[in-house]
PDB file of N, CA and C in Angstrom:
ATOM      1  N   MET A   1     112.666 -44.747  92.568  1.00  0.00           N
ATOM      2  CA  MET A   1     112.609 -43.619  91.629  1.00  0.00           C
ATOM      3  C   MET A   1     114.075 -43.073  91.266  1.00  0.00           C
ATOM      4  N   ASP A   2     114.380 -43.001  89.987  1.00  0.00           N
ATOM      5  CA  ASP A   2     115.614 -42.668  89.719  1.00  0.00           C
ATOM      6  C   ASP A   2     115.862 -41.153  89.818  1.00  0.00           C
ATOM      7  N   LYS A   3     117.104 -40.715  89.633  1.00  0.00           N
ATOM      8  CA  LYS A   3     117.408 -39.368  90.013  1.00  0.00           C
ATOM      9  C   LYS A   3     116.816 -38.394  88.898  1.00  0.00           C
ATOM     10  N   ARG A   4     116.779 -38.764  87.670  1.00  0.00           N
ATOM     11  CA  ARG A   4     116.195 -37.942  86.674  1.00  0.00           C
ATOM     12  C   ARG A   4     114.604 -37.576  86.940  1.00  0.00           C
ATOM     13  N   THR A   5     113.992 -38.684  87.310  1.00  0.00           N
ATOM     14  CA  THR A   5     112.573 -38.506  87.679  1.00  0.00           C
ATOM     15  C   THR A   5     112.321 -37.721  88.864  1.00  0.00           C
ATOM     16  N   ARG A   6     113.176 -37.898  89.874  1.00  0.00           N
ATOM     17  CA  ARG A   6     113.116 -37.140  91.252  1.00  0.00           C
ATOM     18  C   ARG A   6     113.373 -35.680  90.907  1.00  0.00           C
ATOM     19  N   VAL A   7     114.432 -35.452  90.184  1.00  0.00           N
ATOM     20  CA  VAL A   7     114.838 -33.956  89.865  1.00  0.00           C
ATOM     21  C   VAL A   7     113.827 -33.364  89.080  1.00  0.00           C
ATOM     22  N   THR A   8     113.138 -34.033  88.107  1.00  0.00           N
ATOM     23  CA  THR A   8     112.178 -33.455  87.260  1.00  0.00           C
ATOM     24  C   THR A   8     110.921 -33.121  88.124  1.00  0.00           C
ATOM     25  N   THR A   9     110.550 -33.956  88.908  1.00  0.00           N
ATOM     26  CA  THR A   9     109.373 -33.842  89.868  1.00  0.00           C
ATOM     27  C   THR A   9     109.559 -32.662  90.828  1.00  0.00           C
ATOM     28  N   ILE A  10     110.791 -32.554  91.405  1.00  0.00           N
ATOM     29  CA  ILE A  10     111.135 -31.388  92.323  1.00  0.00           C
ATOM     30  C   ILE A  10     111.190 -30.127  91.525  1.00  0.00           C
ATOM     31  N   ARG A  11     111.637 -30.120  90.328  1.00  0.00           N
ATOM     32  CA  ARG A  11     111.712 -28.926  89.513  1.00  0.00           C
ATOM     33  C   ARG A  11     110.170 -28.392  89.259  1.00  0.00           C
ATOM     34  N   ALA A  12     109.453 -29.388  88.908  1.00  0.00           N
ATOM     35  CA  ALA A  12     108.001 -28.955  88.583  1.00  0.00           C
ATOM     36  C   ALA A  12     107.274 -28.416  89.821  1.00  0.00           C
ATOM     37  N   ILE A  13     107.518 -28.968  90.991  1.00  0.00           N
ATOM     38  CA  ILE A  13     106.984 -28.554  92.273  1.00  0.00           C
ATOM     39  C   ILE A  13     107.525 -27.067  92.518  1.00  0.00           C
ATOM     40  N   LEU A  14     108.850 -26.987  92.415  1.00  0.00           N
ATOM     41  CA  LEU A  14     109.562 -25.568  92.656  1.00  0.00           C
ATOM     42  C   LEU A  14     109.032 -24.508  91.610  1.00  0.00           C
ATOM     43  N   SER A  15     108.800 -24.973  90.508  1.00  0.00           N
ATOM     44  CA  SER A  15     108.227 -23.977  89.463  1.00  0.00           C
ATOM     45  C   SER A  15     106.841 -23.558  89.896  1.00  0.00           C
ATOM     46  N   ALA A  16     106.034 -24.419  90.260  1.00  0.00           N
ATOM     47  CA  ALA A  16     104.710 -23.962  90.703  1.00  0.00           C
ATOM     48  C   ALA A  16     104.781 -23.018  91.940  1.00  0.00           C
ATOM     49  N   LEU A  17     105.683 -23.494  92.913  1.00  0.00           N
ATOM     50  CA  LEU A  17     105.852 -22.648  94.102  1.00  0.00           C
ATOM     51  C   LEU A  17     106.429 -21.324  93.726  1.00  0.00           C
ATOM     52  N   MET A  18     107.404 -21.130  92.779  1.00  0.00           N
ATOM     53  CA  MET A  18     107.866 -19.950  92.405  1.00  0.00           C
ATOM     54  C   MET A  18     106.853 -19.024  91.812  1.00  0.00           C
ATOM     55  N   ILE A  19     106.023 -19.519  90.962  1.00  0.00           N
ATOM     56  CA  ILE A  19     105.017 -18.709  90.362  1.00  0.00           C
ATOM     57  C   ILE A  19     103.999 -18.207  91.315  1.00  0.00           C
ATOM     58  N   ALA A  20     103.571 -19.088  92.205  1.00  0.00           N
ATOM     59  CA  ALA A  20     102.719 -18.769  93.217  1.00  0.00           C
ATOM     60  C   ALA A  20     103.309 -17.700  94.208  1.00  0.00           C
ATOM     61  N   ALA A  21     104.654 -17.874  94.612  1.00  0.00           N
ATOM     62  CA  ALA A  21     105.298 -16.920  95.505  1.00  0.00           C
ATOM     63  C   ALA A  21     105.448 -15.549  94.838  1.00  0.00           C
ATOM     64  N   LEU A  22     105.795 -15.530  93.575  1.00  0.00           N
ATOM     65  CA  LEU A  22     105.946 -14.209  92.921  1.00  0.00           C
ATOM     66  C   LEU A  22     104.649 -13.441  92.663  1.00  0.00           C
ATOM     67  N   THR A  23     103.563 -14.219  92.536  1.00  0.00           N
ATOM     68  CA  THR A  23     102.293 -13.507  92.164  1.00  0.00           C
ATOM     69  C   THR A  23     101.362 -13.394  93.419  1.00  0.00           C
ATOM     70  N   TRP A  24     101.787 -14.042  94.529  1.00  0.00           N
ATOM     71  CA  TRP A  24     100.976 -14.008  95.691  1.00  0.00           C
ATOM     72  C   TRP A  24     100.577 -12.486  96.218  1.00  0.00           C
ATOM     73  N   GLY A  25      99.497 -12.181  96.415  1.00  0.00           N
ATOM     74  CA  GLY A  25      99.205 -10.801  96.874  1.00  0.00           C
ATOM     75  C   GLY A  25      98.510 -10.837  98.198  1.00  0.00           C
ATOM     76  N   THR A  26      99.034 -10.024  99.241  1.00  0.00           N
ATOM     77  CA  THR A  26      98.322  -9.954 100.555  1.00  0.00           C
ATOM     78  C   THR A  26      97.807  -8.652 100.713  1.00  0.00           C
ATOM     79  N   ARG A  27      96.533  -8.545 100.920  1.00  0.00           N
ATOM     80  CA  ARG A  27      95.836  -7.261 101.069  1.00  0.00           C
ATOM     81  C   ARG A  27      95.844  -6.748 102.512  1.00  0.00           C
ATOM     82  N   TYR A  28      96.216  -5.458 102.518  1.00  0.00           N
ATOM     83  CA  TYR A  28      96.208  -4.778 103.816  1.00  0.00           C
ATOM     84  C   TYR A  28      95.216  -3.782 103.870  1.00  0.00           C
ATOM     85  N   ASN A  29      94.228  -3.770 104.763  1.00  0.00           N
ATOM     86  CA  ASN A  29      93.204  -2.817 104.945  1.00  0.00           C
ATOM     87  C   ASN A  29      93.448  -1.875 106.097  1.00  0.00           C
ATOM     88  N   TRP A  30      94.130  -0.812 105.834  1.00  0.00           N
ATOM     89  CA  TRP A  30      94.343   0.215 106.950  1.00  0.00           C
ATOM     90  C   TRP A  30      93.415   1.246 106.710  1.00  0.00           C
ATOM     91  N   PRO A  31      93.067   2.061 107.812  1.00  0.00           N
ATOM     92  CA  PRO A  31      92.215   3.109 107.563  1.00  0.00           C
ATOM     93  C   PRO A  31      92.782   4.137 106.482  1.00  0.00           C
ATOM     94  N   ASP A  32      92.053   4.367 105.539  1.00  0.00           N
ATOM     95  CA  ASP A  32      92.326   5.232 104.400  1.00  0.00           C
ATOM     96  C   ASP A  32      93.553   4.804 103.648  1.00  0.00           C
ATOM     97  N   ASN A  33      93.886   3.550 103.634  1.00  0.00           N
ATOM     98  CA  ASN A  33      94.980   3.068 102.743  1.00  0.00           C
ATOM     99  C   ASN A  33      94.819   1.537 102.603  1.00  0.00           C
ATOM    100  N   VAL A  34      94.303   1.216 101.468  1.00  0.00           N
ATOM    101  CA  VAL A  34      94.167  -0.247 101.111  1.00  0.00           C
ATOM    102  C   VAL A  34      95.160  -0.568  99.977  1.00  0.00           C
ATOM    103  N   HIS A  35      96.003  -1.606 100.282  1.00  0.00           N
ATOM    104  CA  HIS A  35      96.911  -1.953  99.306  1.00  0.00           C
ATOM    105  C   HIS A  35      97.241  -3.433  99.262  1.00  0.00           C
ATOM    106  N   GLU A  36      97.748  -3.917  98.283  1.00  0.00           N
ATOM    107  CA  GLU A  36      98.212  -5.382  98.253  1.00  0.00           C
ATOM    108  C   GLU A  36      99.677  -5.421  98.011  1.00  0.00           C
ATOM    109  N   ARG A  37     100.421  -6.411  98.683  1.00  0.00           N
ATOM    110  CA  ARG A  37     101.866  -6.489  98.560  1.00  0.00           C
ATOM    111  C   ARG A  37     102.150  -7.816  97.739  1.00  0.00           C
ATOM    112  N   HIS A  38     102.918  -7.858  96.871  1.00  0.00           N
ATOM    113  CA  HIS A  38     103.333  -8.964  95.992  1.00  0.00           C
ATOM    114  C   HIS A  38     104.649  -9.400  96.192  1.00  0.00           C
ATOM    115  N   GLY A  39     104.879 -10.734  96.301  1.00  0.00           N
ATOM    116  CA  GLY A  39     106.185 -11.300  96.334  1.00  0.00           C
ATOM    117  C   GLY A  39     106.467 -11.935  97.736  1.00  0.00           C
ATOM    118  N   LEU A  40     107.018 -13.203  97.564  1.00  0.00           N
ATOM    119  CA  LEU A  40     107.489 -13.851  98.834  1.00  0.00           C
ATOM    120  C   LEU A  40     108.809 -14.490  98.527  1.00  0.00           C
ATOM    121  N   PRO A  41     109.812 -14.470  99.288  1.00  0.00           N
ATOM    122  CA  PRO A  41     109.843 -13.981 100.650  1.00  0.00           C
ATOM    123  C   PRO A  41     110.124 -12.334 100.625  1.00  0.00           C
ATOM    124  N   ILE A  42     110.476 -11.808  99.515  1.00  0.00           N
ATOM    125  CA  ILE A  42     110.796 -10.500  99.332  1.00  0.00           C
ATOM    126  C   ILE A  42     109.665  -9.707  98.632  1.00  0.00           C
ATOM    127  N   THR A  43     109.145  -8.628  99.261  1.00  0.00           N
ATOM    128  CA  THR A  43     108.120  -7.940  98.597  1.00  0.00           C
ATOM    129  C   THR A  43     108.623  -7.040  97.542  1.00  0.00           C
ATOM    130  N   TRP A  44     108.227  -7.295  96.301  1.00  0.00           N
ATOM    131  CA  TRP A  44     108.639  -6.493  95.092  1.00  0.00           C
ATOM    132  C   TRP A  44     107.743  -5.581  94.651  1.00  0.00           C
ATOM    133  N   GLY A  45     106.466  -5.758  94.872  1.00  0.00           N
ATOM    134  CA  GLY A  45     105.424  -4.820  94.298  1.00  0.00           C
ATOM    135  C   GLY A  45     104.346  -4.507  95.226  1.00  0.00           C
ATOM    136  N   VAL A  46     103.823  -3.224  95.183  1.00  0.00           N
ATOM    137  CA  VAL A  46     102.802  -2.790  96.049  1.00  0.00           C
ATOM    138  C   VAL A  46     101.604  -2.161  95.141  1.00  0.00           C
ATOM    139  N   HIS A  47     100.511  -2.702  95.083  1.00  0.00           N
ATOM    140  CA  HIS A  47      99.349  -2.256  94.462  1.00  0.00           C
ATOM    141  C   HIS A  47      98.474  -1.487  95.332  1.00  0.00           C
ATOM    142  N   THR A  48      98.425  -0.223  95.243  1.00  0.00           N
ATOM    143  CA  THR A  48      97.539   0.678  96.084  1.00  0.00           C
ATOM    144  C   THR A  48      96.100   0.857  95.492  1.00  0.00           C
ATOM    145  N   LEU A  49      95.206   0.604  96.233  1.00  0.00           N
ATOM    146  CA  LEU A  49      93.871   0.582  95.720  1.00  0.00           C
ATOM    147  C   LEU A  49      93.064   1.736  96.232  1.00  0.00           C
ATOM    148  N   VAL A  50      93.190   2.105  97.525  1.00  0.00           N
ATOM    149  CA  VAL A  50      92.499   3.190  98.057  1.00  0.00           C
ATOM    150  C   VAL A  50      93.394   4.016  98.995  1.00  0.00           C
ATOM    151  N   THR A  51      93.181   5.343  98.861  1.00  0.00           N
ATOM    152  CA  THR A  51      94.006   6.317  99.687  1.00  0.00           C
ATOM    153  C   THR A  51      92.968   7.187 100.431  1.00  0.00           C
ATOM    154  N   ILE A  52      93.585   8.161 101.182  1.00  0.00           N
ATOM    155  CA  ILE A  52      92.670   9.159 101.921  1.00  0.00           C
ATOM    156  C   ILE A  52      91.959  10.074 100.969  1.00  0.00           C
ATOM    157  N   VAL A  53      92.513  10.290  99.774  1.00  0.00           N
ATOM    158  CA  VAL A  53      92.035  11.089  98.705  1.00  0.00           C
ATOM    159  C   VAL A  53      90.861  10.294  97.973  1.00  0.00           C
ATOM    160  N   GLY A  54      90.924   9.002  97.947  1.00  0.00           N
ATOM    161  CA  GLY A  54      89.841   8.223  97.252  1.00  0.00           C
ATOM    162  C   GLY A  54      90.474   6.952  96.509  1.00  0.00           C
ATOM    163  N   PRO A  55      89.664   6.330  95.704  1.00  0.00           N
ATOM    164  CA  PRO A  55      90.104   5.180  95.045  1.00  0.00           C
ATOM    165  C   PRO A  55      91.244   5.539  94.000  1.00  0.00           C
ATOM    166  N   VAL A  56      92.342   4.760  93.896  1.00  0.00           N
ATOM    167  CA  VAL A  56      93.440   4.882  92.988  1.00  0.00           C
ATOM    168  C   VAL A  56      93.704   3.424  92.525  1.00  0.00           C
ATOM    169  N   ASP A  57      94.584   3.487  91.482  1.00  0.00           N
ATOM    170  CA  ASP A  57      95.030   2.203  90.908  1.00  0.00           C
ATOM    171  C   ASP A  57      96.564   2.410  90.538  1.00  0.00           C
ATOM    172  N   THR A  58      97.301   2.329  91.501  1.00  0.00           N
ATOM    173  CA  THR A  58      98.807   2.538  91.211  1.00  0.00           C
ATOM    174  C   THR A  58      99.627   1.328  91.629  1.00  0.00           C
ATOM    175  N   TRP A  59     100.649   1.098  90.973  1.00  0.00           N
ATOM    176  CA  TRP A  59     101.592   0.050  91.188  1.00  0.00           C
ATOM    177  C   TRP A  59     102.990   0.764  91.590  1.00  0.00           C
ATOM    178  N   SER A  60     103.668   0.136  92.486  1.00  0.00           N
ATOM    179  CA  SER A  60     104.919   0.556  92.960  1.00  0.00           C
ATOM    180  C   SER A  60     105.836  -0.784  92.796  1.00  0.00           C
ATOM    181  N   VAL A  61     106.756  -0.790  91.837  1.00  0.00           N
ATOM    182  CA  VAL A  61     107.509  -2.018  91.668  1.00  0.00           C
ATOM    183  C   VAL A  61     108.976  -1.708  91.991  1.00  0.00           C
ATOM    184  N   ASN A  62     109.587  -2.550  92.810  1.00  0.00           N
ATOM    185  CA  ASN A  62     111.036  -2.473  93.198  1.00  0.00           C
ATOM    186  C   ASN A  62     111.714  -3.489  92.391  1.00  0.00           C
ATOM    187  N   MET A  63     112.437  -3.089  91.311  1.00  0.00           N
ATOM    188  CA  MET A  63     113.036  -4.041  90.422  1.00  0.00           C
ATOM    189  C   MET A  63     114.211  -4.762  91.143  1.00  0.00           C
ATOM    190  N   THR A  64     114.879  -4.128  92.049  1.00  0.00           N
ATOM    191  CA  THR A  64     115.947  -4.919  92.766  1.00  0.00           C
ATOM    192  C   THR A  64     115.326  -6.017  93.628  1.00  0.00           C
ATOM    193  N   SER A  65     114.309  -5.720  94.273  1.00  0.00           N
ATOM    194  CA  SER A  65     113.663  -6.928  95.071  1.00  0.00           C
ATOM    195  C   SER A  65     113.031  -8.042  94.173  1.00  0.00           C
ATOM    196  N   LEU A  66     112.585  -7.609  93.028  1.00  0.00           N
ATOM    197  CA  LEU A  66     112.097  -8.619  92.054  1.00  0.00           C
ATOM    198  C   LEU A  66     113.200  -9.476  91.579  1.00  0.00           C
ATOM    199  N   LEU A  67     114.281  -8.790  91.187  1.00  0.00           N
ATOM    200  CA  LEU A  67     115.465  -9.525  90.790  1.00  0.00           C
ATOM    201  C   LEU A  67     116.075 -10.494  91.845  1.00  0.00           C
ATOM    202  N   LEU A  68     116.184  -9.961  93.099  1.00  0.00           N
ATOM    203  CA  LEU A  68     116.586 -10.881  94.184  1.00  0.00           C
ATOM    204  C   LEU A  68     115.605 -12.037  94.544  1.00  0.00           C
ATOM    205  N   ASP A  69     114.394 -11.755  94.398  1.00  0.00           N
ATOM    206  CA  ASP A  69     113.417 -12.837  94.570  1.00  0.00           C
ATOM    207  C   ASP A  69     113.515 -13.922  93.570  1.00  0.00           C
ATOM    208  N   LEU A  70     113.700 -13.399  92.223  1.00  0.00           N
ATOM    209  CA  LEU A  70     113.861 -14.381  91.183  1.00  0.00           C
ATOM    210  C   LEU A  70     115.281 -15.197  91.245  1.00  0.00           C
ATOM    211  N   ILE A  71     116.293 -14.535  91.697  1.00  0.00           N
ATOM    212  CA  ILE A  71     117.536 -15.175  91.901  1.00  0.00           C
ATOM    213  C   ILE A  71     117.411 -16.212  93.140  1.00  0.00           C
ATOM    214  N   LEU A  72     116.703 -15.962  94.097  1.00  0.00           N
ATOM    215  CA  LEU A  72     116.503 -16.943  95.151  1.00  0.00           C
ATOM    216  C   LEU A  72     115.818 -18.154  94.637  1.00  0.00           C
ATOM    217  N   TRP A  73     114.708 -18.006  93.963  1.00  0.00           N
ATOM    218  CA  TRP A  73     113.881 -19.091  93.471  1.00  0.00           C
ATOM    219  C   TRP A  73     114.681 -19.885  92.380  1.00  0.00           C
ATOM    220  N   LEU A  74     115.353 -19.188  91.549  1.00  0.00           N
ATOM    221  CA  LEU A  74     116.054 -19.937  90.413  1.00  0.00           C
ATOM    222  C   LEU A  74     117.319 -20.637  91.052  1.00  0.00           C
ATOM    223  N   ALA A  75     117.917 -20.020  92.148  1.00  0.00           N
ATOM    224  CA  ALA A  75     119.101 -20.741  92.746  1.00  0.00           C
ATOM    225  C   ALA A  75     118.644 -22.079  93.345  1.00  0.00           C
ATOM    226  N   LEU A  76     117.443 -22.126  93.840  1.00  0.00           N
ATOM    227  CA  LEU A  76     116.888 -23.272  94.395  1.00  0.00           C
ATOM    228  C   LEU A  76     116.759 -24.440  93.380  1.00  0.00           C
ATOM    229  N   MET A  77     116.293 -23.928  92.129  1.00  0.00           N
ATOM    230  CA  MET A  77     116.192 -24.993  91.088  1.00  0.00           C
ATOM    231  C   MET A  77     117.638 -25.396  90.570  1.00  0.00           C
ATOM    232  N   VAL A  78     118.669 -24.653  90.680  1.00  0.00           N
ATOM    233  CA  VAL A  78     119.931 -25.090  90.229  1.00  0.00           C
ATOM    234  C   VAL A  78     120.502 -25.928  91.168  1.00  0.00           C
ATOM    235  N   MET A  79     120.232 -25.778  92.464  1.00  0.00           N
ATOM    236  CA  MET A  79     120.817 -26.648  93.522  1.00  0.00           C
ATOM    237  C   MET A  79     120.086 -28.029  93.549  1.00  0.00           C
ATOM    238  N   ILE A  80     119.080 -28.272  92.797  1.00  0.00           N
ATOM    239  CA  ILE A  80     118.503 -29.530  92.775  1.00  0.00           C
ATOM    240  C   ILE A  80     119.465 -30.563  92.132  1.00  0.00           C
ATOM    241  N   ASP A  81     120.234 -30.123  91.211  1.00  0.00           N
ATOM    242  CA  ASP A  81     121.245 -30.950  90.562  1.00  0.00           C
ATOM    243  C   ASP A  81     122.405 -31.411  91.655  1.00  0.00           C
ATOM    244  N   LEU A  82     122.477 -30.728  92.620  1.00  0.00           N
ATOM    245  CA  LEU A  82     123.413 -31.126  93.692  1.00  0.00           C
ATOM    246  C   LEU A  82     122.942 -32.144  94.652  1.00  0.00           C
ATOM    247  N   LEU A  83     121.676 -32.578  94.479  1.00  0.00           N
ATOM    248  CA  LEU A  83     121.064 -33.637  95.392  1.00  0.00           C
ATOM    249  C   LEU A  83     121.746 -34.952  95.291  1.00  0.00           C
ATOM    250  N   PRO A  84     122.147 -35.555  96.322  1.00  0.00           N
ATOM    251  CA  PRO A  84     122.859 -36.930  96.226  1.00  0.00           C
ATOM    252  C   PRO A  84     121.876 -37.820  95.683  1.00  0.00           C
ATOM    253  N   SER A  85     122.445 -38.706  94.909  1.00  0.00           N
ATOM    254  CA  SER A  85     121.556 -39.827  94.324  1.00  0.00           C
ATOM    255  C   SER A  85     121.419 -40.880  95.393  1.00  0.00           C
ATOM    256  N   GLN A  86     120.221 -41.532  95.310  1.00  0.00           N
ATOM    257  CA  GLN A  86     119.824 -42.649  96.093  1.00  0.00           C
ATOM    258  C   GLN A  86     120.380 -43.912  95.624  1.00  0.00           C
ATOM    259  N   LYS A  87     120.919 -44.762  96.406  1.00  0.00           N
ATOM    260  CA  LYS A  87     121.386 -46.065  96.062  1.00  0.00           C
ATOM    261  C   LYS A  87     120.338 -47.017  96.483  1.00  0.00           C
ATOM    262  N   ALA A  88     120.239 -48.006  95.422  1.00  0.00           N
ATOM    263  CA  ALA A  88     119.073 -48.941  95.755  1.00  0.00           C
ATOM    264  C   ALA A  88     119.686 -50.234  96.433  1.00  0.00           C
TER     265      ALA A  88
END
């Protein structure tokens, strides 16, 4: 496999991983507080579903964490170009 094909394949895999990591939601069911946290490895959003008062539908988004998460994933894509080429 030549370098161009290898880099393209790795970029496609990393793109899928980045989309999955940014949109992944983990639900936490605590007494009187049900919420989902979004973002891997940095949590950038919290979707609150239920509180002690009752059902709600609120989002709390930390833009700095979202930016850092995007920078991390996009830096991985840029570093693919630095992979050493395989010699046949």
